[in-house]
Amino acid sequence: MGRSGSRGSYAVGRERRERIVEAATERFSTNGYAGTSLARVAQDAGVSTTGLMHHFPTKQHLLLAVAEHRFDVAAAIVDSSPGADGDALVEALLSITRRFVSEPGLIELFVALSAEAADPAGAAHALFAARYERTVRELGARFEECARAGFFRSDLDHEAVARECVAVSDGLQLQWVLSGGRTDLLAGVRAHLERLVRDLRPPAAVTAG
């Protein structure tokens, strides 16, 4: 009974934490990081400020959780697409960019955190290093799975292809920030994926096309 109660408390705590992160994601996206207070996020999440700080002692802790949530959302979009379907995988990557475009405030935060993550002593370094490694590995595996099914060429380094996709997306997000939002992020990612798919298609498919 004690253990059951502990599991129940853990589930409640996890649900509360997720609610706080979702509320912070929405506030950071619309009001920006500087324009959002912990009290405002707590109110949106339906918890006390003290309750919020039990999970996130500082605003920086909450920001890192929002960044991790963004990684999770992108991974979930890819995971939801059929495993060996190359067209569905490309569409999933476009869907991730559409999601990013719909949350412009988070693009700015992500770019700022990416710069901080370059410093091994920075708070974001461990999170970004681990999640980039995981993203490249898992996306590379999906490209390889599609290659085994005949959608893409099998004579390529599929993790390198995945790394290129991540680099283009992140680079265009930086340009979007530097241009004050004038860079067409979605068009840039789409153009890159279209060129990439032409290179990835097996020779027979290219000839048939």
C-alpha atoms as a PDB file:
ATOM      1  CA  MET A   1       0.000   0.000   0.000  1.00  0.00           C
ATOM      2  CA  GLY A   2       2.874   2.302   0.806  1.00  0.00           C
ATOM      3  CA  ARG A   3       4.464   1.612  -2.552  1.00  0.00           C
ATOM      4  CA  SER A   4       1.166   2.152  -4.353  1.00  0.00           C
ATOM      5  CA  GLY A   5       0.855   5.515  -2.626  1.00  0.00           C
ATOM      6  CA  SER A   6       4.397   6.400  -3.672  1.00  0.00           C
ATOM      7  CA  ARG A   7       3.613   5.521  -7.288  1.00  0.00           C
ATOM      8  CA  GLY A   8       0.510   7.671  -7.100  1.00  0.00           C
ATOM      9  CA  SER A   9       2.480  10.606  -5.708  1.00  0.00           C
ATOM     10  CA  TYR A  10       5.108  10.161  -8.411  1.00  0.00           C
ATOM     11  CA  ALA A  11       2.455  10.165 -11.149  1.00  0.00           C
ATOM     12  CA  VAL A  12       0.867  13.309  -9.733  1.00  0.00           C
ATOM     13  CA  GLY A  13       4.248  14.996  -9.522  1.00  0.00           C
ATOM     14  CA  ARG A  14       5.138  14.016 -13.082  1.00  0.00           C
ATOM     15  CA  GLU A  15       1.787  15.275 -14.389  1.00  0.00           C
ATOM     16  CA  ARG A  16       2.266  18.567 -12.543  1.00  0.00           C
ATOM     17  CA  ARG A  17       5.782  18.934 -13.930  1.00  0.00           C
ATOM     18  CA  GLU A  18       4.569  18.317 -17.492  1.00  0.00           C
ATOM     19  CA  ARG A  19       1.787  20.858 -17.002  1.00  0.00           C
ATOM     20  CA  ILE A  20       4.297  23.453 -15.838  1.00  0.00           C
ATOM     21  CA  VAL A  21       6.584  22.816 -18.831  1.00  0.00           C
ATOM     22  CA  GLU A  22       3.674  23.087 -21.264  1.00  0.00           C
ATOM     23  CA  ALA A  23       2.559  26.360 -19.655  1.00  0.00           C
ATOM     24  CA  ALA A  24       6.108  27.723 -19.789  1.00  0.00           C
ATOM     25  CA  THR A  25       6.464  26.674 -23.428  1.00  0.00           C
ATOM     26  CA  GLU A  26       3.326  28.627 -24.304  1.00  0.00           C
ATOM     27  CA  ARG A  27       4.370  31.710 -22.311  1.00  0.00           C
ATOM     28  CA  PHE A  28       7.960  31.757 -23.570  1.00  0.00           C
ATOM     29  CA  SER A  29       6.664  31.374 -27.127  1.00  0.00           C
ATOM     30  CA  THR A  30       4.240  34.295 -26.909  1.00  0.00           C
ATOM     31  CA  ASN A  31       5.749  36.636 -24.296  1.00  0.00           C
ATOM     32  CA  GLY A  32       9.422  35.715 -24.549  1.00  0.00           C
ATOM     33  CA  TYR A  33      11.716  34.529 -21.782  1.00  0.00           C
ATOM     34  CA  ALA A  34      12.384  37.955 -20.284  1.00  0.00           C
ATOM     35  CA  GLY A  35       8.698  38.852 -20.359  1.00  0.00           C
ATOM     36  CA  THR A  36       7.571  35.746 -18.485  1.00  0.00           C
ATOM     37  CA  SER A  37       7.679  35.382 -14.715  1.00  0.00           C
ATOM     38  CA  LEU A  38       7.650  32.177 -12.715  1.00  0.00           C
ATOM     39  CA  ALA A  39       4.486  33.423 -11.002  1.00  0.00           C
ATOM     40  CA  ARG A  40       2.753  33.777 -14.385  1.00  0.00           C
ATOM     41  CA  VAL A  41       3.749  30.269 -15.429  1.00  0.00           C
ATOM     42  CA  ALA A  42       2.607  28.896 -12.070  1.00  0.00           C
ATOM     43  CA  GLN A  43      -0.756  30.597 -12.499  1.00  0.00           C
ATOM     44  CA  ASP A  44      -1.157  29.195 -16.019  1.00  0.00           C
ATOM     45  CA  ALA A  45      -0.267  25.713 -14.809  1.00  0.00           C
ATOM     46  CA  GLY A  46      -2.658  25.906 -11.868  1.00  0.00           C
ATOM     47  CA  VAL A  47       0.012  25.530  -9.187  1.00  0.00           C
ATOM     48  CA  SER A  48       1.538  27.803  -6.586  1.00  0.00           C
ATOM     49  CA  THR A  49       4.853  29.502  -7.233  1.00  0.00           C
ATOM     50  CA  THR A  50       6.284  27.415  -4.399  1.00  0.00           C
ATOM     51  CA  GLY A  51       4.938  24.275  -6.087  1.00  0.00           C
ATOM     52  CA  LEU A  52       6.553  25.293  -9.369  1.00  0.00           C
ATOM     53  CA  MET A  53       9.885  25.944  -7.690  1.00  0.00           C
ATOM     54  CA  HIS A  54       9.801  22.474  -6.154  1.00  0.00           C
ATOM     55  CA  HIS A  55      10.315  21.171  -9.705  1.00  0.00           C
ATOM     56  CA  PHE A  56      12.242  24.141 -11.137  1.00  0.00           C
ATOM     57  CA  PRO A  57      14.204  26.118  -8.523  1.00  0.00           C
ATOM     58  CA  THR A  58      15.120  28.858 -11.017  1.00  0.00           C
ATOM     59  CA  LYS A  59      13.873  30.263 -14.283  1.00  0.00           C
ATOM     60  CA  GLN A  60      16.986  28.843 -15.969  1.00  0.00           C
ATOM     61  CA  HIS A  61      15.986  25.328 -14.874  1.00  0.00           C
ATOM     62  CA  LEU A  62      12.579  25.890 -16.430  1.00  0.00           C
ATOM     63  CA  LEU A  63      14.121  27.196 -19.651  1.00  0.00           C
ATOM     64  CA  LEU A  64      16.224  24.053 -20.006  1.00  0.00           C
ATOM     65  CA  ALA A  65      13.113  21.925 -19.447  1.00  0.00           C
ATOM     66  CA  VAL A  66      11.327  23.838 -22.224  1.00  0.00           C
ATOM     67  CA  ALA A  67      14.296  23.216 -24.527  1.00  0.00           C
ATOM     68  CA  GLU A  68      14.193  19.506 -23.720  1.00  0.00           C
ATOM     69  CA  HIS A  69      10.443  19.500 -24.349  1.00  0.00           C
ATOM     70  CA  ARG A  70      11.127  20.991 -27.784  1.00  0.00           C
ATOM     71  CA  PHE A  71      13.507  18.116 -28.542  1.00  0.00           C
ATOM     72  CA  ASP A  72      10.845  15.658 -27.351  1.00  0.00           C
ATOM     73  CA  VAL A  73       8.167  17.199 -29.571  1.00  0.00           C
ATOM     74  CA  ALA A  74      10.408  16.956 -32.640  1.00  0.00           C
ATOM     75  CA  ALA A  75      11.285  13.335 -31.840  1.00  0.00           C
ATOM     76  CA  ALA A  76       7.609  12.452 -31.357  1.00  0.00           C
ATOM     77  CA  ILE A  77       6.718  13.867 -34.787  1.00  0.00           C
ATOM     78  CA  VAL A  78       9.357  11.668 -36.443  1.00  0.00           C
ATOM     79  CA  ASP A  79       8.356   8.647 -34.344  1.00  0.00           C
ATOM     80  CA  SER A  80       4.723   9.019 -35.397  1.00  0.00           C
ATOM     81  CA  SER A  81       5.563   8.588 -39.097  1.00  0.00           C
ATOM     82  CA  PRO A  82       5.590   5.082 -40.663  1.00  0.00           C
ATOM     83  CA  GLY A  83       8.981   3.476 -40.088  1.00  0.00           C
ATOM     84  CA  ALA A  84      10.221   2.581 -43.578  1.00  0.00           C
ATOM     85  CA  ASP A  85       8.326   5.195 -45.595  1.00  0.00           C
ATOM     86  CA  GLY A  86      10.806   7.737 -46.970  1.00  0.00           C
ATOM     87  CA  ASP A  87       8.119  10.163 -48.108  1.00  0.00           C
ATOM     88  CA  ALA A  88       6.523  10.108 -44.654  1.00  0.00           C
ATOM     89  CA  LEU A  89       9.898  10.720 -43.020  1.00  0.00           C
ATOM     90  CA  VAL A  90      10.528  13.793 -45.169  1.00  0.00           C
ATOM     91  CA  GLU A  91       7.020  15.069 -44.410  1.00  0.00           C
ATOM     92  CA  ALA A  92       7.675  14.566 -40.700  1.00  0.00           C
ATOM     93  CA  LEU A  93      10.813  16.710 -40.933  1.00  0.00           C
ATOM     94  CA  LEU A  94       8.761  19.411 -42.642  1.00  0.00           C
ATOM     95  CA  SER A  95       6.122  19.108 -39.926  1.00  0.00           C
ATOM     96  CA  ILE A  96       8.790  19.761 -37.298  1.00  0.00           C
ATOM     97  CA  THR A  97       9.719  23.003 -39.072  1.00  0.00           C
ATOM     98  CA  ARG A  98       6.059  24.015 -39.303  1.00  0.00           C
ATOM     99  CA  ARG A  99       5.817  23.497 -35.554  1.00  0.00           C
ATOM    100  CA  PHE A 100       8.886  25.651 -34.997  1.00  0.00           C
ATOM    101  CA  VAL A 101       7.507  28.425 -37.207  1.00  0.00           C
ATOM    102  CA  SER A 102       4.302  28.418 -35.155  1.00  0.00           C
ATOM    103  CA  GLU A 103       6.357  29.123 -32.005  1.00  0.00           C
ATOM    104  CA  PRO A 104       8.681  31.967 -33.048  1.00  0.00           C
ATOM    105  CA  GLY A 105       9.551  32.911 -29.481  1.00  0.00           C
ATOM    106  CA  LEU A 106      10.991  29.451 -28.943  1.00  0.00           C
ATOM    107  CA  ILE A 107      13.196  29.766 -32.027  1.00  0.00           C
ATOM    108  CA  GLU A 108      14.890  32.771 -30.438  1.00  0.00           C
ATOM    109  CA  LEU A 109      15.299  30.967 -27.123  1.00  0.00           C
ATOM    110  CA  PHE A 110      16.639  27.834 -28.808  1.00  0.00           C
ATOM    111  CA  VAL A 111      19.243  29.772 -30.786  1.00  0.00           C
ATOM    112  CA  ALA A 112      20.355  31.618 -27.643  1.00  0.00           C
ATOM    113  CA  LEU A 113      20.616  28.364 -25.689  1.00  0.00           C
ATOM    114  CA  SER A 114      22.515  26.711 -28.552  1.00  0.00           C
ATOM    115  CA  ALA A 115      25.180  29.395 -28.257  1.00  0.00           C
ATOM    116  CA  GLU A 116      25.360  28.835 -24.494  1.00  0.00           C
ATOM    117  CA  ALA A 117      25.587  25.075 -25.045  1.00  0.00           C
ATOM    118  CA  ALA A 118      28.839  25.544 -26.970  1.00  0.00           C
ATOM    119  CA  ASP A 119      30.518  26.352 -23.646  1.00  0.00           C
ATOM    120  CA  PRO A 120      31.340  23.073 -21.846  1.00  0.00           C
ATOM    121  CA  ALA A 121      30.833  24.918 -18.559  1.00  0.00           C
ATOM    122  CA  GLY A 122      27.407  26.221 -19.594  1.00  0.00           C
ATOM    123  CA  ALA A 123      24.217  24.873 -18.058  1.00  0.00           C
ATOM    124  CA  ALA A 124      22.851  23.841 -21.457  1.00  0.00           C
ATOM    125  CA  HIS A 125      25.935  21.951 -22.653  1.00  0.00           C
ATOM    126  CA  ALA A 126      25.147  18.495 -21.274  1.00  0.00           C
ATOM    127  CA  LEU A 127      21.510  18.614 -22.395  1.00  0.00           C
ATOM    128  CA  PHE A 128      22.269  19.743 -25.941  1.00  0.00           C
ATOM    129  CA  ALA A 129      25.230  17.394 -26.386  1.00  0.00           C
ATOM    130  CA  ALA A 130      23.173  14.377 -25.322  1.00  0.00           C
ATOM    131  CA  ARG A 131      20.088  15.303 -27.315  1.00  0.00           C
ATOM    132  CA  TYR A 132      22.009  16.117 -30.508  1.00  0.00           C
ATOM    133  CA  GLU A 133      23.785  12.777 -30.321  1.00  0.00           C
ATOM    134  CA  ARG A 134      20.475  10.998 -29.778  1.00  0.00           C
ATOM    135  CA  THR A 135      18.724  12.936 -32.554  1.00  0.00           C
ATOM    136  CA  VAL A 136      21.422  12.167 -35.124  1.00  0.00           C
ATOM    137  CA  ARG A 137      21.554   8.505 -34.123  1.00  0.00           C
ATOM    138  CA  GLU A 138      17.788   7.971 -34.219  1.00  0.00           C
ATOM    139  CA  LEU A 139      17.176   9.997 -37.381  1.00  0.00           C
ATOM    140  CA  GLY A 140      20.088   8.230 -39.076  1.00  0.00           C
ATOM    141  CA  ALA A 141      18.495   4.890 -38.162  1.00  0.00           C
ATOM    142  CA  ARG A 142      15.246   6.023 -39.787  1.00  0.00           C
ATOM    143  CA  PHE A 143      17.042   6.974 -43.010  1.00  0.00           C
ATOM    144  CA  GLU A 144      18.765   3.586 -42.954  1.00  0.00           C
ATOM    145  CA  GLU A 145      15.438   1.822 -42.408  1.00  0.00           C
ATOM    146  CA  CYS A 146      13.990   3.634 -45.414  1.00  0.00           C
ATOM    147  CA  ALA A 147      17.069   2.625 -47.438  1.00  0.00           C
ATOM    148  CA  ARG A 148      16.533  -1.034 -46.569  1.00  0.00           C
ATOM    149  CA  ALA A 149      12.963  -0.690 -47.829  1.00  0.00           C
ATOM    150  CA  GLY A 150      14.225   0.679 -51.160  1.00  0.00           C
ATOM    151  CA  PHE A 151      13.183   4.315 -50.701  1.00  0.00           C
ATOM    152  CA  PHE A 152      16.738   5.638 -50.400  1.00  0.00           C
ATOM    153  CA  ARG A 153      20.225   4.587 -51.419  1.00  0.00           C
ATOM    154  CA  SER A 154      21.956   2.145 -49.105  1.00  0.00           C
ATOM    155  CA  ASP A 155      25.539   3.182 -49.959  1.00  0.00           C
ATOM    156  CA  LEU A 156      25.501   6.317 -47.806  1.00  0.00           C
ATOM    157  CA  ASP A 157      26.420   7.300 -44.274  1.00  0.00           C
ATOM    158  CA  HIS A 158      22.876   7.773 -43.007  1.00  0.00           C
ATOM    159  CA  GLU A 159      23.974   9.385 -39.750  1.00  0.00           C
ATOM    160  CA  ALA A 160      25.850  11.970 -41.820  1.00  0.00           C
ATOM    161  CA  VAL A 161      22.621  12.607 -43.743  1.00  0.00           C
ATOM    162  CA  ALA A 162      20.778  13.061 -40.451  1.00  0.00           C
ATOM    163  CA  ARG A 163      23.477  15.423 -39.170  1.00  0.00           C
ATOM    164  CA  GLU A 164      23.124  17.496 -42.334  1.00  0.00           C
ATOM    165  CA  CYS A 165      19.353  17.802 -41.825  1.00  0.00           C
ATOM    166  CA  VAL A 166      19.858  18.977 -38.242  1.00  0.00           C
ATOM    167  CA  ALA A 167      22.571  21.433 -39.307  1.00  0.00           C
ATOM    168  CA  VAL A 168      20.400  22.981 -42.017  1.00  0.00           C
ATOM    169  CA  SER A 169      17.430  23.344 -39.682  1.00  0.00           C
ATOM    170  CA  ASP A 170      19.488  24.906 -36.907  1.00  0.00           C
ATOM    171  CA  GLY A 171      21.431  27.135 -39.294  1.00  0.00           C
ATOM    172  CA  LEU A 172      18.242  28.470 -40.849  1.00  0.00           C
ATOM    173  CA  GLN A 173      16.797  29.129 -37.403  1.00  0.00           C
ATOM    174  CA  LEU A 174      19.881  31.238 -36.622  1.00  0.00           C
ATOM    175  CA  GLN A 175      19.416  33.142 -39.894  1.00  0.00           C
ATOM    176  CA  TRP A 176      15.733  33.607 -39.058  1.00  0.00           C
ATOM    177  CA  VAL A 177      16.709  35.253 -35.773  1.00  0.00           C
ATOM    178  CA  LEU A 178      19.428  37.419 -37.342  1.00  0.00           C
ATOM    179  CA  SER A 179      17.079  38.599 -40.101  1.00  0.00           C
ATOM    180  CA  GLY A 180      14.349  39.512 -37.658  1.00  0.00           C
ATOM    181  CA  GLY A 181      12.096  36.773 -38.973  1.00  0.00           C
ATOM    182  CA  ARG A 182      12.478  37.658 -42.646  1.00  0.00           C
ATOM    183  CA  THR A 183      14.204  34.391 -43.556  1.00  0.00           C
ATOM    184  CA  ASP A 184      11.629  31.887 -44.819  1.00  0.00           C
ATOM    185  CA  LEU A 185      12.532  28.989 -42.550  1.00  0.00           C
ATOM    186  CA  LEU A 186      10.004  26.539 -43.951  1.00  0.00           C
ATOM    187  CA  ALA A 187      10.874  27.275 -47.584  1.00  0.00           C
ATOM    188  CA  GLY A 188      14.574  26.834 -46.830  1.00  0.00           C
ATOM    189  CA  VAL A 189      14.085  23.464 -45.137  1.00  0.00           C
ATOM    190  CA  ARG A 190      11.743  22.300 -47.894  1.00  0.00           C
ATOM    191  CA  ALA A 191      14.226  23.241 -50.618  1.00  0.00           C
ATOM    192  CA  HIS A 192      17.016  21.409 -48.813  1.00  0.00           C
ATOM    193  CA  LEU A 193      14.923  18.261 -48.345  1.00  0.00           C
ATOM    194  CA  GLU A 194      13.862  18.268 -51.996  1.00  0.00           C
ATOM    195  CA  ARG A 195      17.501  18.410 -53.114  1.00  0.00           C
ATOM    196  CA  LEU A 196      18.463  15.809 -50.542  1.00  0.00           C
ATOM    197  CA  VAL A 197      15.773  13.370 -51.624  1.00  0.00           C
ATOM    198  CA  ARG A 198      16.940  13.630 -55.248  1.00  0.00           C
ATOM    199  CA  ASP A 199      20.411  12.580 -54.098  1.00  0.00           C
ATOM    200  CA  LEU A 200      19.066   9.878 -51.812  1.00  0.00           C
ATOM    201  CA  ARG A 201      16.842   8.153 -54.327  1.00  0.00           C
ATOM    202  CA  PRO A 202      18.233   4.868 -55.732  1.00  0.00           C
ATOM    203  CA  PRO A 203      19.515   5.114 -59.356  1.00  0.00           C
ATOM    204  CA  ALA A 204      16.597   3.053 -60.671  1.00  0.00           C
ATOM    205  CA  ALA A 205      14.105   5.372 -58.997  1.00  0.00           C
ATOM    206  CA  VAL A 206      15.867   8.414 -60.430  1.00  0.00           C
ATOM    207  CA  THR A 207      15.772   6.906 -63.928  1.00  0.00           C
ATOM    208  CA  ALA A 208      12.117   5.983 -63.556  1.00  0.00           C
ATOM    209  CA  GLY A 209      11.332   9.493 -62.274  1.00  0.00           C
END
